[in-house]
């Protein structure tokens, strides 16, 4: 007898297109959390939406030690290097929308250079966008 196929819900596939009103609200919520908990650890956030996804990146000020020098033969000046670093995003996370304020999320892993599906700190598949942002920001902005 052949095994029967069974449908299983996957919180890390599918989703719904994010309505404009939800985009505005979520961006404001994330900005509030960022200002309250991460002030001084980033210079700006980039919160962008595409289909069912919300991507969150941060931009940081790169601080070199006072008197720090560029390695001999480095192809850019210290000022050019700092400007390039200011304009290089730190990928934090990607949220996936399922409607009715249901979001799953994926953490950006630099070891694999991609978004890896994960769960919220409470062990659940769905949670608030700002909770996902806080976890990712704790890892990438605080260290």
N, C-alpha and C. Protein backbone atom coordinates (compact mmCIF):
# COMPACT_ATOMS: atom_id res chain seq x y z
N UNK A 1 0.84 -1.18 0.00
CA UNK A 1 0.00 0.00 0.00
C UNK A 1 0.89 1.26 0.00
N UNK A 2 0.63 2.17 -0.89
CA UNK A 2 1.42 3.39 -1.01
C UNK A 2 1.09 4.35 0.12
N UNK A 3 2.11 5.07 0.58
CA UNK A 3 1.90 6.06 1.64
C UNK A 3 1.05 7.21 1.10
N UNK A 4 0.13 7.64 1.92
CA UNK A 4 -0.72 8.77 1.52
C UNK A 4 0.01 10.07 1.77
N UNK A 5 -0.13 10.98 0.83
CA UNK A 5 0.46 12.31 1.00
C UNK A 5 -0.42 13.09 1.96
N UNK A 6 0.23 13.88 2.78
CA UNK A 6 -0.49 14.66 3.77
C UNK A 6 0.02 16.09 3.72
N UNK A 7 -0.89 17.04 3.74
CA UNK A 7 -0.53 18.45 3.71
C UNK A 7 -0.11 18.89 5.11
N UNK A 8 0.99 19.60 5.20
CA UNK A 8 1.48 20.13 6.46
C UNK A 8 1.73 21.62 6.25
N UNK A 9 1.22 22.45 7.15
CA UNK A 9 1.43 23.88 7.05
C UNK A 9 2.87 24.23 7.36
N UNK A 10 3.47 25.07 6.54
CA UNK A 10 4.85 25.51 6.73
C UNK A 10 4.85 27.03 6.91
N UNK A 11 5.21 27.51 8.12
CA UNK A 11 5.22 28.96 8.35
C UNK A 11 6.33 29.70 7.60
N UNK A 12 7.16 28.95 6.88
CA UNK A 12 8.26 29.59 6.15
C UNK A 12 8.12 29.45 4.64
N UNK A 13 6.88 29.27 4.20
CA UNK A 13 6.60 29.32 2.76
C UNK A 13 5.21 29.92 2.58
N UNK A 14 5.01 30.47 1.40
CA UNK A 14 3.72 31.10 1.13
C UNK A 14 3.63 32.48 1.76
N UNK A 15 2.42 32.84 2.15
CA UNK A 15 2.18 34.15 2.73
C UNK A 15 1.26 34.98 1.86
N UNK A 16 0.98 36.19 2.33
CA UNK A 16 0.08 37.11 1.63
C UNK A 16 0.77 38.43 1.35
N UNK A 17 0.37 39.06 0.27
CA UNK A 17 0.89 40.40 -0.05
C UNK A 17 0.54 41.33 1.11
N UNK A 18 1.48 42.15 1.51
CA UNK A 18 1.30 43.03 2.66
C UNK A 18 0.54 44.29 2.24
N UNK A 19 -0.60 44.57 2.85
CA UNK A 19 -1.35 45.79 2.53
C UNK A 19 -0.57 47.05 2.91
N UNK A 20 -0.82 48.13 2.19
CA UNK A 20 -0.11 49.40 2.43
C UNK A 20 -0.25 49.86 3.88
N UNK A 21 -1.44 49.78 4.45
CA UNK A 21 -1.64 50.24 5.84
C UNK A 21 -0.81 49.42 6.82
N UNK A 22 -0.67 48.14 6.56
CA UNK A 22 0.14 47.27 7.42
C UNK A 22 1.61 47.63 7.28
N UNK A 23 2.05 47.93 6.06
CA UNK A 23 3.44 48.34 5.85
C UNK A 23 3.79 49.56 6.68
N UNK A 24 2.93 50.55 6.64
CA UNK A 24 3.17 51.80 7.39
C UNK A 24 3.22 51.52 8.88
N UNK A 25 2.24 50.77 9.38
CA UNK A 25 2.18 50.47 10.81
C UNK A 25 3.40 49.67 11.28
N UNK A 26 3.78 48.64 10.54
CA UNK A 26 4.91 47.81 10.93
C UNK A 26 6.22 48.61 10.91
N UNK A 27 6.42 49.41 9.88
CA UNK A 27 7.63 50.24 9.82
C UNK A 27 7.70 51.18 11.03
N UNK A 28 6.59 51.77 11.42
CA UNK A 28 6.57 52.66 12.58
C UNK A 28 6.87 51.89 13.86
N UNK A 29 6.31 50.70 14.01
CA UNK A 29 6.55 49.89 15.21
C UNK A 29 8.03 49.51 15.32
N UNK A 30 8.62 49.12 14.21
CA UNK A 30 10.04 48.74 14.23
C UNK A 30 10.90 49.95 14.54
N UNK A 31 10.60 51.10 13.93
CA UNK A 31 11.37 52.32 14.20
C UNK A 31 11.29 52.71 15.67
N UNK A 32 10.11 52.57 16.29
CA UNK A 32 9.97 52.89 17.72
C UNK A 32 10.86 52.00 18.57
N UNK A 33 10.85 50.72 18.31
CA UNK A 33 11.68 49.78 19.07
C UNK A 33 13.16 50.10 18.86
N UNK A 34 13.52 50.39 17.62
CA UNK A 34 14.92 50.71 17.31
C UNK A 34 15.38 51.94 18.08
N UNK A 35 14.58 52.99 18.08
CA UNK A 35 14.95 54.22 18.79
C UNK A 35 15.04 54.00 20.29
N UNK A 36 14.14 53.19 20.82
CA UNK A 36 14.11 52.96 22.26
C UNK A 36 15.25 52.06 22.74
N UNK A 37 15.55 51.00 22.01
CA UNK A 37 16.49 49.99 22.50
C UNK A 37 17.86 49.99 21.81
N UNK A 38 17.98 50.60 20.65
CA UNK A 38 19.23 50.50 19.90
C UNK A 38 19.81 51.85 19.47
N UNK A 39 19.32 52.91 20.08
CA UNK A 39 19.81 54.25 19.75
C UNK A 39 21.33 54.29 19.91
N UNK A 40 21.99 54.83 18.90
CA UNK A 40 23.44 54.94 18.93
C UNK A 40 24.16 53.74 18.32
N UNK A 41 23.44 52.68 18.01
CA UNK A 41 24.06 51.49 17.43
C UNK A 41 23.83 51.38 15.93
N UNK A 42 23.12 52.33 15.36
CA UNK A 42 22.88 52.35 13.92
C UNK A 42 22.68 53.81 13.52
N UNK A 43 22.88 54.11 12.23
CA UNK A 43 22.64 55.47 11.78
C UNK A 43 21.32 55.58 11.03
N UNK A 44 20.88 54.46 10.43
CA UNK A 44 19.55 54.44 9.81
C UNK A 44 19.13 53.00 9.56
N UNK A 45 17.83 52.82 9.45
CA UNK A 45 17.26 51.52 9.10
C UNK A 45 16.68 51.58 7.70
N UNK A 46 16.72 50.47 7.03
CA UNK A 46 16.05 50.33 5.74
C UNK A 46 15.01 49.23 5.92
N UNK A 47 13.74 49.61 5.94
CA UNK A 47 12.65 48.67 6.08
C UNK A 47 11.91 48.69 4.75
N UNK A 48 11.99 47.60 4.02
CA UNK A 48 11.37 47.58 2.69
C UNK A 48 10.49 46.34 2.55
N UNK A 49 9.53 46.47 1.66
CA UNK A 49 8.50 45.44 1.48
C UNK A 49 8.47 44.98 0.03
N UNK A 50 8.30 43.68 -0.13
CA UNK A 50 8.15 43.11 -1.47
C UNK A 50 7.25 41.89 -1.34
N UNK A 51 6.06 41.98 -1.93
CA UNK A 51 5.12 40.86 -1.85
C UNK A 51 4.74 40.56 -0.41
N UNK A 52 5.00 39.34 0.02
CA UNK A 52 4.67 38.92 1.38
C UNK A 52 5.82 39.17 2.37
N UNK A 53 6.91 39.77 1.89
CA UNK A 53 8.09 39.94 2.72
C UNK A 53 8.32 41.37 3.20
N UNK A 54 8.92 41.47 4.38
CA UNK A 54 9.44 42.73 4.92
C UNK A 54 10.90 42.48 5.25
N UNK A 55 11.80 43.23 4.64
CA UNK A 55 13.24 43.09 4.87
C UNK A 55 13.70 44.24 5.76
N UNK A 56 14.54 43.92 6.73
CA UNK A 56 15.05 44.96 7.63
C UNK A 56 16.57 44.92 7.61
N UNK A 57 17.16 46.05 7.22
CA UNK A 57 18.61 46.23 7.23
C UNK A 57 18.93 47.44 8.08
N UNK A 58 20.14 47.46 8.61
CA UNK A 58 20.62 48.61 9.37
C UNK A 58 21.91 49.10 8.74
N UNK A 59 22.18 50.37 8.93
CA UNK A 59 23.43 50.96 8.49
C UNK A 59 24.13 51.49 9.73
N UNK A 60 25.42 51.22 9.81
CA UNK A 60 26.18 51.58 11.00
C UNK A 60 27.29 52.56 10.66
N UNK A 61 27.70 53.27 11.67
CA UNK A 61 28.88 54.13 11.56
C UNK A 61 30.08 53.26 11.92
N UNK A 62 31.04 53.19 11.04
CA UNK A 62 32.23 52.39 11.32
C UNK A 62 33.24 53.28 12.00
N UNK A 63 33.60 52.93 13.20
CA UNK A 63 34.55 53.74 13.98
C UNK A 63 35.91 53.06 14.01
N UNK A 64 36.88 53.77 13.51
CA UNK A 64 38.25 53.25 13.56
C UNK A 64 38.91 53.81 14.81
N UNK A 65 39.87 53.09 15.30
CA UNK A 65 40.62 53.59 16.47
C UNK A 65 41.28 54.90 16.11
N UNK A 66 41.37 55.76 17.10
CA UNK A 66 42.02 57.05 16.88
C UNK A 66 43.46 56.79 16.43
N UNK A 67 43.81 57.40 15.33
CA UNK A 67 45.15 57.21 14.79
C UNK A 67 45.29 55.92 13.99
N UNK A 68 44.19 55.16 13.89
CA UNK A 68 44.23 53.91 13.12
C UNK A 68 44.55 54.19 11.66
N UNK A 69 45.37 53.35 11.08
CA UNK A 69 45.79 53.55 9.70
C UNK A 69 45.27 52.43 8.82
N UNK A 70 45.13 52.76 7.58
CA UNK A 70 44.75 51.76 6.59
C UNK A 70 45.98 50.90 6.29
N UNK A 71 45.78 49.62 6.00
CA UNK A 71 46.94 48.78 5.66
C UNK A 71 47.68 49.32 4.44
N UNK A 72 48.96 49.10 4.41
CA UNK A 72 49.79 49.55 3.29
C UNK A 72 49.25 48.96 2.00
N UNK A 73 49.07 49.79 0.98
CA UNK A 73 48.57 49.35 -0.31
C UNK A 73 47.05 49.24 -0.38
N UNK A 74 46.36 49.64 0.69
CA UNK A 74 44.89 49.58 0.67
C UNK A 74 44.39 50.50 -0.44
N UNK A 75 43.40 50.07 -1.23
CA UNK A 75 43.00 50.83 -2.42
C UNK A 75 42.12 52.06 -2.16
N UNK A 76 41.86 52.40 -0.91
CA UNK A 76 41.04 53.58 -0.63
C UNK A 76 41.57 54.29 0.61
N UNK A 77 41.24 55.56 0.71
CA UNK A 77 41.65 56.33 1.87
C UNK A 77 40.79 55.94 3.07
N UNK A 78 41.19 56.40 4.22
CA UNK A 78 40.41 56.15 5.44
C UNK A 78 39.00 56.72 5.30
N UNK A 79 38.89 57.93 4.77
CA UNK A 79 37.58 58.57 4.59
C UNK A 79 36.73 57.79 3.59
N UNK A 80 37.33 57.33 2.51
CA UNK A 80 36.59 56.54 1.52
C UNK A 80 36.11 55.23 2.13
N UNK A 81 36.96 54.59 2.92
CA UNK A 81 36.59 53.34 3.58
C UNK A 81 35.41 53.55 4.53
N UNK A 82 35.49 54.61 5.34
CA UNK A 82 34.40 54.89 6.28
C UNK A 82 33.10 55.19 5.55
N UNK A 83 33.17 55.92 4.45
CA UNK A 83 31.98 56.23 3.67
C UNK A 83 31.38 54.96 3.06
N UNK A 84 32.24 54.09 2.55
CA UNK A 84 31.75 52.83 1.99
C UNK A 84 31.07 51.99 3.07
N UNK A 85 31.66 51.93 4.25
CA UNK A 85 31.07 51.15 5.34
C UNK A 85 29.73 51.74 5.80
N UNK A 86 29.63 53.07 5.82
CA UNK A 86 28.36 53.73 6.19
C UNK A 86 27.23 53.36 5.22
N UNK A 87 27.59 53.04 4.00
CA UNK A 87 26.60 52.75 2.96
C UNK A 87 26.46 51.26 2.66
N UNK A 88 27.04 50.43 3.50
CA UNK A 88 26.92 48.98 3.36
C UNK A 88 25.91 48.48 4.37
N UNK A 89 24.81 47.87 3.92
CA UNK A 89 23.79 47.44 4.87
C UNK A 89 24.22 46.23 5.69
N UNK A 90 23.73 46.20 6.92
CA UNK A 90 23.83 45.01 7.76
C UNK A 90 22.46 44.35 7.66
N UNK A 91 22.39 43.21 6.98
CA UNK A 91 21.12 42.51 6.84
C UNK A 91 20.75 41.92 8.20
N UNK A 92 19.55 42.22 8.66
CA UNK A 92 19.12 41.72 9.96
C UNK A 92 18.16 40.54 9.84
N UNK A 93 17.02 40.77 9.20
CA UNK A 93 16.04 39.69 9.11
C UNK A 93 15.04 39.95 7.99
N UNK A 94 14.25 38.91 7.74
CA UNK A 94 13.17 38.97 6.77
C UNK A 94 11.91 38.43 7.44
N UNK A 95 10.85 39.21 7.35
CA UNK A 95 9.56 38.80 7.91
C UNK A 95 8.65 38.33 6.78
N UNK A 96 7.78 37.37 7.09
CA UNK A 96 6.83 36.85 6.11
C UNK A 96 5.43 37.05 6.68
N UNK A 97 4.55 37.67 5.89
CA UNK A 97 3.21 38.04 6.34
C UNK A 97 2.17 36.98 5.96
N UNK A 98 1.33 36.63 6.94
CA UNK A 98 0.25 35.67 6.71
C UNK A 98 -1.13 36.28 6.98
N UNK A 99 -1.21 37.58 7.15
CA UNK A 99 -2.49 38.24 7.43
C UNK A 99 -2.79 38.26 8.91
N UNK A 100 -3.73 39.13 9.30
CA UNK A 100 -4.17 39.23 10.70
C UNK A 100 -3.01 39.33 11.69
N UNK A 101 -1.99 40.12 11.35
CA UNK A 101 -0.83 40.34 12.21
C UNK A 101 -0.10 39.03 12.55
N UNK A 102 -0.10 38.10 11.62
CA UNK A 102 0.65 36.84 11.78
C UNK A 102 1.89 36.92 10.90
N UNK A 103 3.03 36.85 11.54
CA UNK A 103 4.31 36.97 10.86
C UNK A 103 5.22 35.82 11.28
N UNK A 104 5.94 35.23 10.32
CA UNK A 104 7.05 34.35 10.64
C UNK A 104 8.30 35.13 10.25
N UNK A 105 9.46 34.60 10.61
CA UNK A 105 10.67 35.35 10.28
C UNK A 105 11.85 34.44 10.00
N UNK A 106 12.82 35.03 9.31
CA UNK A 106 14.07 34.35 8.99
C UNK A 106 15.21 35.30 9.37
N UNK A 107 16.22 34.74 9.98
CA UNK A 107 17.40 35.46 10.45
C UNK A 107 18.44 35.43 9.33
N UNK A 108 19.08 36.55 9.07
CA UNK A 108 20.12 36.56 8.04
C UNK A 108 21.40 35.97 8.62
N UNK A 109 21.92 34.93 7.98
CA UNK A 109 23.18 34.34 8.45
C UNK A 109 24.28 34.68 7.47
N UNK A 110 25.31 35.33 7.98
CA UNK A 110 26.43 35.68 7.13
C UNK A 110 27.29 34.47 6.80
N UNK A 111 27.21 33.41 7.61
CA UNK A 111 27.97 32.20 7.32
C UNK A 111 27.45 31.50 6.06
N UNK A 112 26.15 31.63 5.79
CA UNK A 112 25.56 31.02 4.60
C UNK A 112 25.13 32.07 3.57
N UNK A 113 25.18 33.34 3.96
CA UNK A 113 24.80 34.44 3.08
C UNK A 113 23.36 34.31 2.61
N UNK A 114 22.45 33.93 3.52
CA UNK A 114 21.04 33.84 3.17
C UNK A 114 20.19 33.92 4.43
N UNK A 115 18.90 34.07 4.23
CA UNK A 115 17.95 34.11 5.33
C UNK A 115 17.61 32.68 5.74
N UNK A 116 17.76 32.39 7.03
CA UNK A 116 17.47 31.06 7.56
C UNK A 116 16.19 31.13 8.40
N UNK A 117 15.19 30.33 8.05
CA UNK A 117 13.95 30.33 8.85
C UNK A 117 14.24 30.01 10.31
N UNK A 118 13.53 30.68 11.18
CA UNK A 118 13.74 30.47 12.61
C UNK A 118 12.42 30.69 13.34
N UNK A 119 12.45 30.55 14.64
CA UNK A 119 11.26 30.73 15.47
C UNK A 119 11.48 31.91 16.40
N UNK A 120 10.39 32.42 16.94
CA UNK A 120 10.47 33.54 17.87
C UNK A 120 11.03 33.05 19.21
N UNK A 121 11.53 33.97 20.03
CA UNK A 121 12.13 33.57 21.31
C UNK A 121 11.20 32.72 22.20
N UNK A 122 9.90 32.88 22.05
CA UNK A 122 8.97 32.09 22.86
C UNK A 122 8.74 30.69 22.27
N UNK A 123 9.44 30.35 21.18
CA UNK A 123 9.33 29.03 20.58
C UNK A 123 8.23 28.89 19.55
N UNK A 124 7.50 29.95 19.32
CA UNK A 124 6.38 29.89 18.37
C UNK A 124 6.82 30.28 16.97
N UNK A 125 6.06 29.79 15.99
CA UNK A 125 6.37 30.09 14.59
C UNK A 125 5.95 31.50 14.21
N UNK A 126 4.94 32.06 14.89
CA UNK A 126 4.44 33.39 14.56
C UNK A 126 4.64 34.34 15.73
N UNK A 127 4.85 35.60 15.39
CA UNK A 127 5.05 36.60 16.43
C UNK A 127 5.00 38.00 15.85
N UNK A 128 5.44 38.95 16.65
CA UNK A 128 5.43 40.36 16.26
C UNK A 128 6.70 40.71 15.48
N UNK A 129 6.56 41.56 14.47
CA UNK A 129 7.74 41.99 13.71
C UNK A 129 8.82 42.60 14.60
N UNK A 130 8.40 43.40 15.58
CA UNK A 130 9.41 44.05 16.43
C UNK A 130 10.18 43.06 17.29
N UNK A 131 9.58 41.90 17.61
CA UNK A 131 10.30 40.88 18.38
C UNK A 131 11.40 40.24 17.52
N UNK A 132 11.09 39.99 16.26
CA UNK A 132 12.10 39.46 15.34
C UNK A 132 13.23 40.48 15.17
N UNK A 133 12.86 41.74 14.97
CA UNK A 133 13.86 42.79 14.82
C UNK A 133 14.77 42.86 16.05
N UNK A 134 14.20 42.78 17.24
CA UNK A 134 15.01 42.88 18.47
C UNK A 134 16.04 41.76 18.55
N UNK A 135 15.65 40.54 18.21
CA UNK A 135 16.60 39.43 18.26
C UNK A 135 17.74 39.68 17.27
N UNK A 136 17.41 40.01 16.03
CA UNK A 136 18.43 40.24 15.01
C UNK A 136 19.31 41.43 15.37
N UNK A 137 18.73 42.50 15.87
CA UNK A 137 19.49 43.69 16.23
C UNK A 137 20.40 43.41 17.43
N UNK A 138 19.93 42.61 18.37
CA UNK A 138 20.79 42.23 19.50
C UNK A 138 22.05 41.53 19.02
N UNK A 139 21.92 40.69 18.01
CA UNK A 139 23.05 39.95 17.49
C UNK A 139 23.97 40.85 16.66
N UNK A 140 23.41 41.58 15.72
CA UNK A 140 24.23 42.30 14.75
C UNK A 140 24.56 43.74 15.11
N UNK A 141 23.77 44.39 15.92
CA UNK A 141 24.06 45.79 16.24
C UNK A 141 24.74 45.97 17.59
N UNK A 142 24.55 45.06 18.50
CA UNK A 142 25.10 45.22 19.85
C UNK A 142 26.50 44.64 19.99
N UNK A 143 26.97 43.94 18.97
CA UNK A 143 28.31 43.31 19.07
C UNK A 143 29.22 43.80 18.01
